[in-house]
PDB file of N, CA and C in Angstrom:
ATOM      1  N   MET A   1     -10.030   2.035  14.247  1.00  0.00           N
ATOM      2  CA  MET A   1     -10.337   2.892  13.092  1.00  0.00           C
ATOM      3  C   MET A   1     -10.529   3.952  12.954  1.00  0.00           C
ATOM      4  N   THR A   2      -9.798   4.156  11.558  1.00  0.00           N
ATOM      5  CA  THR A   2      -9.797   5.275  11.152  1.00  0.00           C
ATOM      6  C   THR A   2     -10.506   5.470  10.240  1.00  0.00           C
ATOM      7  N   ALA A   3     -11.800   7.016  10.884  1.00  0.00           N
ATOM      8  CA  ALA A   3     -13.051   7.411   9.598  1.00  0.00           C
ATOM      9  C   ALA A   3     -12.661   8.334   9.282  1.00  0.00           C
ATOM     10  N   ASP A   4     -13.982   8.440   7.854  1.00  0.00           N
ATOM     11  CA  ASP A   4     -14.236   9.473   7.671  1.00  0.00           C
ATOM     12  C   ASP A   4     -14.315  10.370   8.367  1.00  0.00           C
ATOM     13  N   PRO A   5     -14.193  11.835   7.938  1.00  0.00           N
ATOM     14  CA  PRO A   5     -14.609  12.833   9.085  1.00  0.00           C
ATOM     15  C   PRO A   5     -16.261  12.904   8.677  1.00  0.00           C
ATOM     16  N   ASP A   6     -16.633  12.467   7.265  1.00  0.00           N
ATOM     17  CA  ASP A   6     -17.931  12.442   7.775  1.00  0.00           C
ATOM     18  C   ASP A   6     -19.260  12.149   8.491  1.00  0.00           C
ATOM     19  N   LEU A   7     -18.079  10.794   9.098  1.00  0.00           N
ATOM     20  CA  LEU A   7     -19.345   9.974  10.019  1.00  0.00           C
ATOM     21  C   LEU A   7     -18.729  10.365  11.345  1.00  0.00           C
ATOM     22  N   ASP A   8     -18.072  11.409  11.548  1.00  0.00           N
ATOM     23  CA  ASP A   8     -17.747  11.521  12.739  1.00  0.00           C
ATOM     24  C   ASP A   8     -18.667  12.810  13.406  1.00  0.00           C
ATOM     25  N   ASN A   9     -19.957  13.086  13.053  1.00  0.00           N
ATOM     26  CA  ASN A   9     -21.112  13.967  13.441  1.00  0.00           C
ATOM     27  C   ASN A   9     -22.160  12.889  14.132  1.00  0.00           C
ATOM     28  N   GLY A  10     -21.990  12.308  14.321  1.00  0.00           N
ATOM     29  CA  GLY A  10     -22.868  10.965  15.009  1.00  0.00           C
ATOM     30  C   GLY A  10     -22.488  10.585  16.108  1.00  0.00           C
ATOM     31  N   LEU A  11     -22.869   9.326  16.499  1.00  0.00           N
ATOM     32  CA  LEU A  11     -22.275   7.947  17.418  1.00  0.00           C
ATOM     33  C   LEU A  11     -20.736   7.939  17.055  1.00  0.00           C
ATOM     34  N   PRO A  12     -19.974   7.559  17.644  1.00  0.00           N
ATOM     35  CA  PRO A  12     -18.694   6.913  17.145  1.00  0.00           C
ATOM     36  C   PRO A  12     -19.251   5.315  16.315  1.00  0.00           C
ATOM     37  N   ILE A  13     -18.343   5.207  15.469  1.00  0.00           N
ATOM     38  CA  ILE A  13     -18.543   3.919  15.028  1.00  0.00           C
ATOM     39  C   ILE A  13     -17.014   3.000  15.156  1.00  0.00           C
ATOM     40  N   ARG A  14     -16.919   2.084  15.477  1.00  0.00           N
ATOM     41  CA  ARG A  14     -15.675   1.229  15.268  1.00  0.00           C
ATOM     42  C   ARG A  14     -16.023  -0.350  14.751  1.00  0.00           C
ATOM     43  N   LEU A  15     -15.531  -0.236  14.124  1.00  0.00           N
ATOM     44  CA  LEU A  15     -15.337  -1.511  12.922  1.00  0.00           C
ATOM     45  C   LEU A  15     -14.912  -2.909  13.584  1.00  0.00           C
ATOM     46  N   LEU A  16     -15.372  -4.026  13.629  1.00  0.00           N
ATOM     47  CA  LEU A  16     -14.608  -5.295  13.896  1.00  0.00           C
ATOM     48  C   LEU A  16     -14.107  -6.093  12.954  1.00  0.00           C
ATOM     49  N   HIS A  17     -12.990  -6.954  13.275  1.00  0.00           N
ATOM     50  CA  HIS A  17     -12.361  -8.160  13.126  1.00  0.00           C
ATOM     51  C   HIS A  17     -11.981  -7.298  11.634  1.00  0.00           C
ATOM     52  N   ASP A  18     -12.259  -8.328  10.412  1.00  0.00           N
ATOM     53  CA  ASP A  18     -11.679  -8.053   9.068  1.00  0.00           C
ATOM     54  C   ASP A  18     -13.025  -7.086   8.351  1.00  0.00           C
ATOM     55  N   ARG A  19     -13.513  -6.459   8.942  1.00  0.00           N
ATOM     56  CA  ARG A  19     -14.435  -5.593   8.527  1.00  0.00           C
ATOM     57  C   ARG A  19     -14.238  -4.111   7.439  1.00  0.00           C
ATOM     58  N   VAL A  20     -14.350  -4.005   6.379  1.00  0.00           N
ATOM     59  CA  VAL A  20     -14.343  -2.864   5.185  1.00  0.00           C
ATOM     60  C   VAL A  20     -15.382  -2.031   5.528  1.00  0.00           C
ATOM     61  N   LEU A  21     -15.621  -0.797   5.679  1.00  0.00           N
ATOM     62  CA  LEU A  21     -17.058  -0.237   5.282  1.00  0.00           C
ATOM     63  C   LEU A  21     -16.806   1.140   4.579  1.00  0.00           C
ATOM     64  N   VAL A  22     -17.708   0.573   2.993  1.00  0.00           N
ATOM     65  CA  VAL A  22     -16.611   1.536   1.910  1.00  0.00           C
ATOM     66  C   VAL A  22     -18.098   2.366   1.577  1.00  0.00           C
ATOM     67  N   ARG A  23     -17.732   3.557   1.013  1.00  0.00           N
ATOM     68  CA  ARG A  23     -18.897   4.078  -0.019  1.00  0.00           C
ATOM     69  C   ARG A  23     -18.806   3.994  -1.263  1.00  0.00           C
ATOM     70  N   LEU A  24     -19.801   3.879  -1.408  1.00  0.00           N
ATOM     71  CA  LEU A  24     -20.054   3.877  -3.049  1.00  0.00           C
ATOM     72  C   LEU A  24     -19.642   4.668  -4.152  1.00  0.00           C
ATOM     73  N   GLU A  25     -19.228   5.027  -5.266  1.00  0.00           N
ATOM     74  CA  GLU A  25     -18.462   5.225  -6.192  1.00  0.00           C
ATOM     75  C   GLU A  25     -19.944   5.701  -7.200  1.00  0.00           C
ATOM     76  N   GLY A  26     -20.080   6.864  -7.594  1.00  0.00           N
ATOM     77  CA  GLY A  26     -20.935   6.902  -8.724  1.00  0.00           C
ATOM     78  C   GLY A  26     -22.737   6.902  -7.928  1.00  0.00           C
ATOM     79  N   SER A  27     -23.855   6.051  -8.967  1.00  0.00           N
ATOM     80  CA  SER A  27     -25.638   5.918  -8.580  1.00  0.00           C
ATOM     81  C   SER A  27     -24.963   4.602  -9.299  1.00  0.00           C
ATOM     82  N   GLU A  28     -26.028   3.337  -9.203  1.00  0.00           N
ATOM     83  CA  GLU A  28     -26.171   2.358  -9.213  1.00  0.00           C
ATOM     84  C   GLU A  28     -27.395   2.029 -10.723  1.00  0.00           C
ATOM     85  N   GLY A  29     -27.438   3.469 -11.165  1.00  0.00           N
ATOM     86  CA  GLY A  29     -28.430   3.762 -12.001  1.00  0.00           C
ATOM     87  C   GLY A  29     -27.852   3.330 -13.445  1.00  0.00           C
ATOM     88  N   GLU A  30     -27.856   4.837 -14.171  1.00  0.00           N
ATOM     89  CA  GLU A  30     -27.456   4.853 -15.682  1.00  0.00           C
ATOM     90  C   GLU A  30     -26.154   5.025 -15.303  1.00  0.00           C
ATOM     91  N   ARG A  31     -24.645   5.081 -16.444  1.00  0.00           N
ATOM     92  CA  ARG A  31     -23.637   4.791 -16.292  1.00  0.00           C
ATOM     93  C   ARG A  31     -23.104   5.672 -17.544  1.00  0.00           C
ATOM     94  N   ARG A  32     -21.905   5.650 -17.397  1.00  0.00           N
ATOM     95  CA  ARG A  32     -21.499   6.118 -19.607  1.00  0.00           C
ATOM     96  C   ARG A  32     -20.084   5.456 -19.252  1.00  0.00           C
ATOM     97  N   SER A  33     -20.206   4.617 -20.581  1.00  0.00           N
ATOM     98  CA  SER A  33     -18.884   4.305 -20.382  1.00  0.00           C
ATOM     99  C   SER A  33     -17.816   5.190 -20.830  1.00  0.00           C
ATOM    100  N   SER A  34     -16.400   4.840 -21.302  1.00  0.00           N
ATOM    101  CA  SER A  34     -15.642   5.688 -21.476  1.00  0.00           C
ATOM    102  C   SER A  34     -15.186   5.920 -22.597  1.00  0.00           C
ATOM    103  N   ALA A  35     -16.333   6.238 -23.830  1.00  0.00           N
ATOM    104  CA  ALA A  35     -16.274   6.432 -25.062  1.00  0.00           C
ATOM    105  C   ALA A  35     -17.412   7.874 -24.705  1.00  0.00           C
ATOM    106  N   GLY A  36     -18.511   7.356 -23.327  1.00  0.00           N
ATOM    107  CA  GLY A  36     -18.783   8.688 -23.487  1.00  0.00           C
ATOM    108  C   GLY A  36     -20.748   8.030 -23.325  1.00  0.00           C
ATOM    109  N   ILE A  37     -21.065   6.846 -23.812  1.00  0.00           N
ATOM    110  CA  ILE A  37     -22.283   6.736 -24.159  1.00  0.00           C
ATOM    111  C   ILE A  37     -22.930   6.151 -22.799  1.00  0.00           C
ATOM    112  N   VAL A  38     -24.625   6.749 -23.041  1.00  0.00           N
ATOM    113  CA  VAL A  38     -25.094   6.469 -21.599  1.00  0.00           C
ATOM    114  C   VAL A  38     -25.064   5.016 -21.811  1.00  0.00           C
ATOM    115  N   ILE A  39     -25.165   3.908 -20.969  1.00  0.00           N
ATOM    116  CA  ILE A  39     -25.677   2.942 -20.716  1.00  0.00           C
ATOM    117  C   ILE A  39     -26.995   2.693 -19.451  1.00  0.00           C
ATOM    118  N   PRO A  40     -28.308   2.389 -20.151  1.00  0.00           N
ATOM    119  CA  PRO A  40     -29.499   2.644 -19.178  1.00  0.00           C
ATOM    120  C   PRO A  40     -29.362   1.466 -17.393  1.00  0.00           C
ATOM    121  N   ALA A  41     -29.694   1.648 -16.701  1.00  0.00           N
ATOM    122  CA  ALA A  41     -29.923   1.485 -15.454  1.00  0.00           C
ATOM    123  C   ALA A  41     -30.413  -0.370 -15.991  1.00  0.00           C
ATOM    124  N   THR A  42     -31.186  -0.075 -16.861  1.00  0.00           N
ATOM    125  CA  THR A  42     -31.930  -1.743 -17.025  1.00  0.00           C
ATOM    126  C   THR A  42     -31.070  -2.307 -17.871  1.00  0.00           C
ATOM    127  N   ALA A  43     -30.000  -1.753 -18.597  1.00  0.00           N
ATOM    128  CA  ALA A  43     -29.128  -2.850 -19.619  1.00  0.00           C
ATOM    129  C   ALA A  43     -28.752  -4.571 -19.053  1.00  0.00           C
ATOM    130  N   SER A  44     -29.148  -5.414 -19.684  1.00  0.00           N
ATOM    131  CA  SER A  44     -28.655  -6.306 -19.098  1.00  0.00           C
ATOM    132  C   SER A  44     -27.165  -6.559 -19.065  1.00  0.00           C
ATOM    133  N   MET A  45     -26.172  -6.943 -18.298  1.00  0.00           N
ATOM    134  CA  MET A  45     -24.983  -7.351 -18.251  1.00  0.00           C
ATOM    135  C   MET A  45     -24.134  -8.989 -17.443  1.00  0.00           C
ATOM    136  N   GLY A  46     -23.395  -8.870 -17.703  1.00  0.00           N
ATOM    137  CA  GLY A  46     -22.979 -10.501 -16.887  1.00  0.00           C
ATOM    138  C   GLY A  46     -22.389  -9.944 -15.251  1.00  0.00           C
ATOM    139  N   ARG A  47     -21.731 -10.497 -14.758  1.00  0.00           N
ATOM    140  CA  ARG A  47     -21.219  -9.995 -13.756  1.00  0.00           C
ATOM    141  C   ARG A  47     -20.161  -8.888 -13.645  1.00  0.00           C
ATOM    142  N   ARG A  48     -21.080  -8.013 -13.521  1.00  0.00           N
ATOM    143  CA  ARG A  48     -20.104  -6.694 -13.053  1.00  0.00           C
ATOM    144  C   ARG A  48     -19.188  -5.813 -12.169  1.00  0.00           C
ATOM    145  N   LEU A  49     -18.447  -6.607 -11.693  1.00  0.00           N
ATOM    146  CA  LEU A  49     -17.872  -5.755 -10.361  1.00  0.00           C
ATOM    147  C   LEU A  49     -17.760  -4.110 -10.464  1.00  0.00           C
ATOM    148  N   ALA A  50     -17.627  -3.427  -9.390  1.00  0.00           N
ATOM    149  CA  ALA A  50     -17.923  -2.480  -8.708  1.00  0.00           C
ATOM    150  C   ALA A  50     -16.841  -1.510  -8.420  1.00  0.00           C
ATOM    151  N   TRP A  51     -16.400  -0.468  -8.112  1.00  0.00           N
ATOM    152  CA  TRP A  51     -15.312   0.490  -7.194  1.00  0.00           C
ATOM    153  C   TRP A  51     -15.935   1.136  -6.447  1.00  0.00           C
ATOM    154  N   ALA A  52     -15.783   1.567  -5.199  1.00  0.00           N
ATOM    155  CA  ALA A  52     -15.997   1.920  -3.758  1.00  0.00           C
ATOM    156  C   ALA A  52     -14.800   2.478  -3.327  1.00  0.00           C
ATOM    157  N   THR A  53     -14.869   3.417  -2.042  1.00  0.00           N
ATOM    158  CA  THR A  53     -13.899   4.543  -1.469  1.00  0.00           C
ATOM    159  C   THR A  53     -14.132   3.885   0.205  1.00  0.00           C
ATOM    160  N   ALA A  54     -13.248   2.835   0.386  1.00  0.00           N
ATOM    161  CA  ALA A  54     -12.995   2.455   2.126  1.00  0.00           C
ATOM    162  C   ALA A  54     -13.157   4.059   2.573  1.00  0.00           C
ATOM    163  N   VAL A  55     -13.364   3.825   3.969  1.00  0.00           N
ATOM    164  CA  VAL A  55     -14.249   4.567   5.149  1.00  0.00           C
ATOM    165  C   VAL A  55     -13.306   4.794   5.971  1.00  0.00           C
ATOM    166  N   GLY A  56     -13.447   3.139   6.182  1.00  0.00           N
ATOM    167  CA  GLY A  56     -13.574   2.831   7.760  1.00  0.00           C
ATOM    168  C   GLY A  56     -12.748   1.361   7.366  1.00  0.00           C
ATOM    169  N   VAL A  57     -11.710   0.806   8.458  1.00  0.00           N
ATOM    170  CA  VAL A  57     -11.678  -0.514   8.580  1.00  0.00           C
ATOM    171  C   VAL A  57     -11.427  -1.413  10.168  1.00  0.00           C
ATOM    172  N   GLY A  58     -11.894  -2.428  10.552  1.00  0.00           N
ATOM    173  CA  GLY A  58     -11.838  -3.415  11.443  1.00  0.00           C
ATOM    174  C   GLY A  58     -10.335  -3.111  12.016  1.00  0.00           C
ATOM    175  N   PRO A  59      -9.786  -3.815  12.758  1.00  0.00           N
ATOM    176  CA  PRO A  59      -8.531  -3.812  13.284  1.00  0.00           C
ATOM    177  C   PRO A  59      -7.754  -5.070  13.013  1.00  0.00           C
ATOM    178  N   ASN A  60      -8.572  -6.309  12.402  1.00  0.00           N
ATOM    179  CA  ASN A  60      -7.527  -7.426  11.885  1.00  0.00           C
ATOM    180  C   ASN A  60      -7.486  -7.288  10.293  1.00  0.00           C
ATOM    181  N   VAL A  61      -7.692  -5.790   9.767  1.00  0.00           N
ATOM    182  CA  VAL A  61      -7.667  -5.463   8.071  1.00  0.00           C
ATOM    183  C   VAL A  61      -6.260  -5.512   7.777  1.00  0.00           C
ATOM    184  N   ARG A  62      -5.630  -6.308   7.152  1.00  0.00           N
ATOM    185  CA  ARG A  62      -3.918  -5.977   6.722  1.00  0.00           C
ATOM    186  C   ARG A  62      -3.863  -5.818   5.409  1.00  0.00           C
ATOM    187  N   ALA A  63      -4.599  -5.417   4.392  1.00  0.00           N
ATOM    188  CA  ALA A  63      -4.472  -4.543   3.120  1.00  0.00           C
ATOM    189  C   ALA A  63      -4.643  -3.661   2.815  1.00  0.00           C
ATOM    190  N   ILE A  64      -5.924  -2.842   3.345  1.00  0.00           N
ATOM    191  CA  ILE A  64      -6.684  -1.991   3.120  1.00  0.00           C
ATOM    192  C   ILE A  64      -6.702  -0.507   4.269  1.00  0.00           C
ATOM    193  N   VAL A  65      -6.511   0.405   3.963  1.00  0.00           N
ATOM    194  CA  VAL A  65      -6.664   1.596   5.023  1.00  0.00           C
ATOM    195  C   VAL A  65      -7.671   2.364   4.164  1.00  0.00           C
ATOM    196  N   SER A  66      -8.119   3.400   4.344  1.00  0.00           N
ATOM    197  CA  SER A  66      -8.985   4.255   5.053  1.00  0.00           C
ATOM    198  C   SER A  66      -8.455   5.405   3.320  1.00  0.00           C
ATOM    199  N   GLY A  67      -9.391   5.548   2.809  1.00  0.00           N
ATOM    200  CA  GLY A  67      -8.603   6.777   1.242  1.00  0.00           C
ATOM    201  C   GLY A  67      -8.809   5.575   0.484  1.00  0.00           C
ATOM    202  N   ASP A  68      -8.587   4.019   0.421  1.00  0.00           N
ATOM    203  CA  ASP A  68      -8.238   2.945  -0.875  1.00  0.00           C
ATOM    204  C   ASP A  68      -9.387   3.459  -1.554  1.00  0.00           C
ATOM    205  N   ARG A  69      -9.101   2.984  -2.924  1.00  0.00           N
ATOM    206  CA  ARG A  69     -10.431   2.360  -3.749  1.00  0.00           C
ATOM    207  C   ARG A  69     -10.325   1.101  -3.439  1.00  0.00           C
ATOM    208  N   VAL A  70     -11.710   0.271  -3.008  1.00  0.00           N
ATOM    209  CA  VAL A  70     -11.500  -1.038  -3.510  1.00  0.00           C
ATOM    210  C   VAL A  70     -12.583  -1.535  -4.784  1.00  0.00           C
ATOM    211  N   LEU A  71     -12.161  -2.768  -5.025  1.00  0.00           N
ATOM    212  CA  LEU A  71     -12.843  -3.831  -6.073  1.00  0.00           C
ATOM    213  C   LEU A  71     -13.606  -4.658  -5.677  1.00  0.00           C
ATOM    214  N   TYR A  72     -14.887  -5.251  -5.660  1.00  0.00           N
ATOM    215  CA  TYR A  72     -15.777  -5.499  -4.707  1.00  0.00           C
ATOM    216  C   TYR A  72     -16.748  -6.510  -5.764  1.00  0.00           C
ATOM    217  N   ASP A  73     -17.653  -6.910  -5.332  1.00  0.00           N
ATOM    218  CA  ASP A  73     -18.362  -7.832  -5.951  1.00  0.00           C
ATOM    219  C   ASP A  73     -19.787  -7.179  -5.310  1.00  0.00           C
ATOM    220  N   PRO A  74     -20.802  -6.152  -6.149  1.00  0.00           N
ATOM    221  CA  PRO A  74     -22.034  -6.193  -5.758  1.00  0.00           C
ATOM    222  C   PRO A  74     -23.248  -6.593  -5.148  1.00  0.00           C
ATOM    223  N   ASP A  75     -23.031  -8.094  -5.585  1.00  0.00           N
ATOM    224  CA  ASP A  75     -23.894  -8.677  -5.150  1.00  0.00           C
ATOM    225  C   ASP A  75     -23.797  -9.691  -4.223  1.00  0.00           C
ATOM    226  N   ASP A  76     -22.440  -9.148  -3.202  1.00  0.00           N
ATOM    227  CA  ASP A  76     -22.048  -9.686  -2.120  1.00  0.00           C
ATOM    228  C   ASP A  76     -21.602  -8.698  -1.190  1.00  0.00           C
ATOM    229  N   ARG A  77     -22.581  -7.989  -1.055  1.00  0.00           N
ATOM    230  CA  ARG A  77     -22.810  -6.966  -0.042  1.00  0.00           C
ATOM    231  C   ARG A  77     -23.647  -6.704   0.717  1.00  0.00           C
ATOM    232  N   SER A  78     -23.826  -6.288   2.203  1.00  0.00           N
ATOM    233  CA  SER A  78     -24.353  -5.589   2.965  1.00  0.00           C
ATOM    234  C   SER A  78     -24.666  -3.798   2.906  1.00  0.00           C
ATOM    235  N   GLU A  79     -25.544  -3.472   2.710  1.00  0.00           N
ATOM    236  CA  GLU A  79     -26.245  -2.525   2.702  1.00  0.00           C
ATOM    237  C   GLU A  79     -25.924  -2.071   3.926  1.00  0.00           C
ATOM    238  N   VAL A  80     -25.586  -0.774   4.697  1.00  0.00           N
ATOM    239  CA  VAL A  80     -26.002  -0.262   6.047  1.00  0.00           C
ATOM    240  C   VAL A  80     -26.327   1.381   5.785  1.00  0.00           C
ATOM    241  N   GLU A  81     -26.988   1.877   6.360  1.00  0.00           N
ATOM    242  CA  GLU A  81     -27.176   3.367   6.302  1.00  0.00           C
ATOM    243  C   GLU A  81     -26.947   4.245   7.648  1.00  0.00           C
ATOM    244  N   LEU A  82     -25.650   4.901   7.699  1.00  0.00           N
ATOM    245  CA  LEU A  82     -25.303   5.736   8.436  1.00  0.00           C
ATOM    246  C   LEU A  82     -25.091   7.305   8.959  1.00  0.00           C
ATOM    247  N   HIS A  83     -25.658   8.248   9.546  1.00  0.00           N
ATOM    248  CA  HIS A  83     -26.365   9.385   9.462  1.00  0.00           C
ATOM    249  C   HIS A  83     -26.411   9.766   8.307  1.00  0.00           C
ATOM    250  N   GLY A  84     -27.287   9.040   7.896  1.00  0.00           N
ATOM    251  CA  GLY A  84     -28.159   9.547   6.568  1.00  0.00           C
ATOM    252  C   GLY A  84     -27.455   9.495   5.548  1.00  0.00           C
ATOM    253  N   ARG A  85     -26.273   8.631   5.408  1.00  0.00           N
ATOM    254  CA  ARG A  85     -25.532   8.039   3.915  1.00  0.00           C
ATOM    255  C   ARG A  85     -25.552   6.073   4.127  1.00  0.00           C
ATOM    256  N   GLU A  86     -25.955   5.780   2.477  1.00  0.00           N
ATOM    257  CA  GLU A  86     -25.718   4.609   2.333  1.00  0.00           C
ATOM    258  C   GLU A  86     -24.040   4.734   2.589  1.00  0.00           C
ATOM    259  N   TYR A  87     -24.206   2.911   3.002  1.00  0.00           N
ATOM    260  CA  TYR A  87     -22.349   2.618   2.861  1.00  0.00           C
ATOM    261  C   TYR A  87     -22.426   0.699   2.878  1.00  0.00           C
ATOM    262  N   VAL A  88     -21.662   0.525   2.242  1.00  0.00           N
ATOM    263  CA  VAL A  88     -21.592  -0.914   2.335  1.00  0.00           C
ATOM    264  C   VAL A  88     -20.845  -1.850   3.309  1.00  0.00           C
ATOM    265  N   LEU A  89     -20.998  -2.477   3.340  1.00  0.00           N
ATOM    266  CA  LEU A  89     -20.050  -3.280   4.595  1.00  0.00           C
ATOM    267  C   LEU A  89     -19.367  -4.656   4.248  1.00  0.00           C
ATOM    268  N   LEU A  90     -18.045  -4.354   4.407  1.00  0.00           N
ATOM    269  CA  LEU A  90     -17.628  -6.033   3.463  1.00  0.00           C
ATOM    270  C   LEU A  90     -16.819  -6.768   4.345  1.00  0.00           C
ATOM    271  N   ARG A  91     -16.364  -7.747   4.138  1.00  0.00           N
ATOM    272  CA  ARG A  91     -15.308  -8.394   5.043  1.00  0.00           C
ATOM    273  C   ARG A  91     -14.121  -8.448   3.555  1.00  0.00           C
ATOM    274  N   GLU A  92     -13.316  -7.804   4.346  1.00  0.00           N
ATOM    275  CA  GLU A  92     -11.766  -7.771   3.848  1.00  0.00           C
ATOM    276  C   GLU A  92     -10.996  -8.643   2.271  1.00  0.00           C
ATOM    277  N   ARG A  93     -12.146 -10.126   2.610  1.00  0.00           N
ATOM    278  CA  ARG A  93     -11.672 -11.448   1.547  1.00  0.00           C
ATOM    279  C   ARG A  93     -12.610 -10.969   0.490  1.00  0.00           C
ATOM    280  N   ASP A  94     -13.523 -10.521   0.730  1.00  0.00           N
ATOM    281  CA  ASP A  94     -14.640  -9.953  -0.302  1.00  0.00           C
ATOM    282  C   ASP A  94     -13.666  -8.955  -1.073  1.00  0.00           C
ATOM    283  N   VAL A  95     -13.128  -8.960  -1.274  1.00  0.00           N
ATOM    284  CA  VAL A  95     -12.160  -7.429  -2.067  1.00  0.00           C
ATOM    285  C   VAL A  95     -11.252  -8.222  -2.637  1.00  0.00           C
ATOM    286  N   HIS A  96     -11.485  -7.542  -3.852  1.00  0.00           N
ATOM    287  CA  HIS A  96     -10.748  -7.684  -4.899  1.00  0.00           C
ATOM    288  C   HIS A  96      -9.562  -7.951  -5.408  1.00  0.00           C
ATOM    289  N   ALA A  97      -9.604  -6.229  -5.572  1.00  0.00           N
ATOM    290  CA  ALA A  97      -8.008  -5.732  -5.532  1.00  0.00           C
ATOM    291  C   ALA A  97      -8.189  -3.957  -4.962  1.00  0.00           C
ATOM    292  N   VAL A  98      -7.113  -3.497  -4.697  1.00  0.00           N
ATOM    293  CA  VAL A  98      -7.078  -2.383  -4.034  1.00  0.00           C
ATOM    294  C   VAL A  98      -6.157  -1.686  -5.071  1.00  0.00           C
ATOM    295  N   ALA A  99      -7.006  -0.403  -5.164  1.00  0.00           N
ATOM    296  CA  ALA A  99      -5.973   0.534  -5.829  1.00  0.00           C
ATOM    297  C   ALA A  99      -5.807   1.996  -5.008  1.00  0.00           C
ATOM    298  N   ALA A 100      -4.425   2.064  -4.753  1.00  0.00           N
ATOM    299  CA  ALA A 100      -4.061   2.784  -3.886  1.00  0.00           C
ATOM    300  C   ALA A 100      -2.127   2.963  -4.144  1.00  0.00           C
ATOM    301  N   GLN A 101      -1.807   4.609  -3.864  1.00  0.00           N
ATOM    302  CA  GLN A 101      -0.447   5.385  -4.569  1.00  0.00           C
ATOM    303  C   GLN A 101      -0.090   4.443  -3.491  1.00  0.00           C
ATOM    304  N   ARG A 102       0.403   3.500  -2.236  1.00  0.00           N
ATOM    305  CA  ARG A 102       1.294   2.868  -1.509  1.00  0.00           C
ATOM    306  C   ARG A 102       1.456   1.269  -2.224  1.00  0.00           C
ATOM    307  N   VAL A 103       0.383   1.195  -3.322  1.00  0.00           N
ATOM    308  CA  VAL A 103       0.803  -0.533  -3.097  1.00  0.00           C
ATOM    309  C   VAL A 103       2.124  -0.385  -4.475  1.00  0.00           C
ATOM    310  N   ASP A 104       2.437  -1.455  -3.538  1.00  0.00           N
ATOM    311  CA  ASP A 104       3.805  -1.924  -4.980  1.00  0.00           C
ATOM    312  C   ASP A 104       3.595  -2.710  -6.015  1.00  0.00           C
ATOM    313  N   THR A 105       4.339  -2.163  -7.163  1.00  0.00           N
ATOM    314  CA  THR A 105       3.990  -2.446  -8.590  1.00  0.00           C
ATOM    315  C   THR A 105       4.750  -4.061  -8.511  1.00  0.00           C
ATOM    316  N   ASP A 106       5.337  -4.290  -7.843  1.00  0.00           N
ATOM    317  CA  ASP A 106       6.239  -5.822  -8.585  1.00  0.00           C
ATOM    318  C   ASP A 106       6.031  -6.677  -7.035  1.00  0.00           C
ATOM    319  N   SER A 107       4.718  -6.274  -6.538  1.00  0.00           N
ATOM    320  CA  SER A 107       4.385  -7.048  -5.382  1.00  0.00           C
ATOM    321  C   SER A 107       2.937  -8.026  -6.021  1.00  0.00           C
ATOM    322  N   THR A 108       2.389  -9.082  -5.671  1.00  0.00           N
ATOM    323  CA  THR A 108       0.654  -9.624  -6.174  1.00  0.00           C
ATOM    324  C   THR A 108       0.551  -9.250  -5.527  1.00  0.00           C
ATOM    325  N   GLY A 109       0.656  -9.064  -3.595  1.00  0.00           N
ATOM    326  CA  GLY A 109      -0.917  -8.354  -2.931  1.00  0.00           C
ATOM    327  C   GLY A 109      -1.146  -9.664  -2.162  1.00  0.00           C
ATOM    328  N   LEU A 110      -0.623 -10.763  -2.462  1.00  0.00           N
ATOM    329  CA  LEU A 110      -0.660 -12.162  -2.112  1.00  0.00           C
ATOM    330  C   LEU A 110      -0.524 -12.054  -0.499  1.00  0.00           C
ATOM    331  N   TYR A 111      -1.846 -12.664   0.424  1.00  0.00           N
ATOM    332  CA  TYR A 111      -0.757 -13.259   1.350  1.00  0.00           C
ATOM    333  C   TYR A 111      -1.542 -14.082   2.254  1.00  0.00           C
ATOM    334  N   LEU A 112      -0.934 -15.475   2.940  1.00  0.00           N
ATOM    335  CA  LEU A 112      -1.286 -16.110   3.588  1.00  0.00           C
ATOM    336  C   LEU A 112      -1.556 -16.484   5.315  1.00  0.00           C
TER     337      LEU A 112
END
């Protein structure tokens, strides 16, 4: 696993199989729209996907590397605390999209 340097200050961690460890972007409380309007955490919305940054990947992960931004469903996640910080553990198949400089714009990103 290629890991975030912030994780190196404690016990070594090795992700197994197709697991992806991500750090959440922003907070889960109130957020701002692109126009700058504050949306409170209590606002009811439909199913909303969230972005996070991959900080570690297991050996069988094929499309994600540490540092990529990934889009996932916050309802399908497992939270974990490592070295006093909150992370989310996902399977690669639970990631809906990857945003990275190396992503080829002509490719669909699908694999079988």
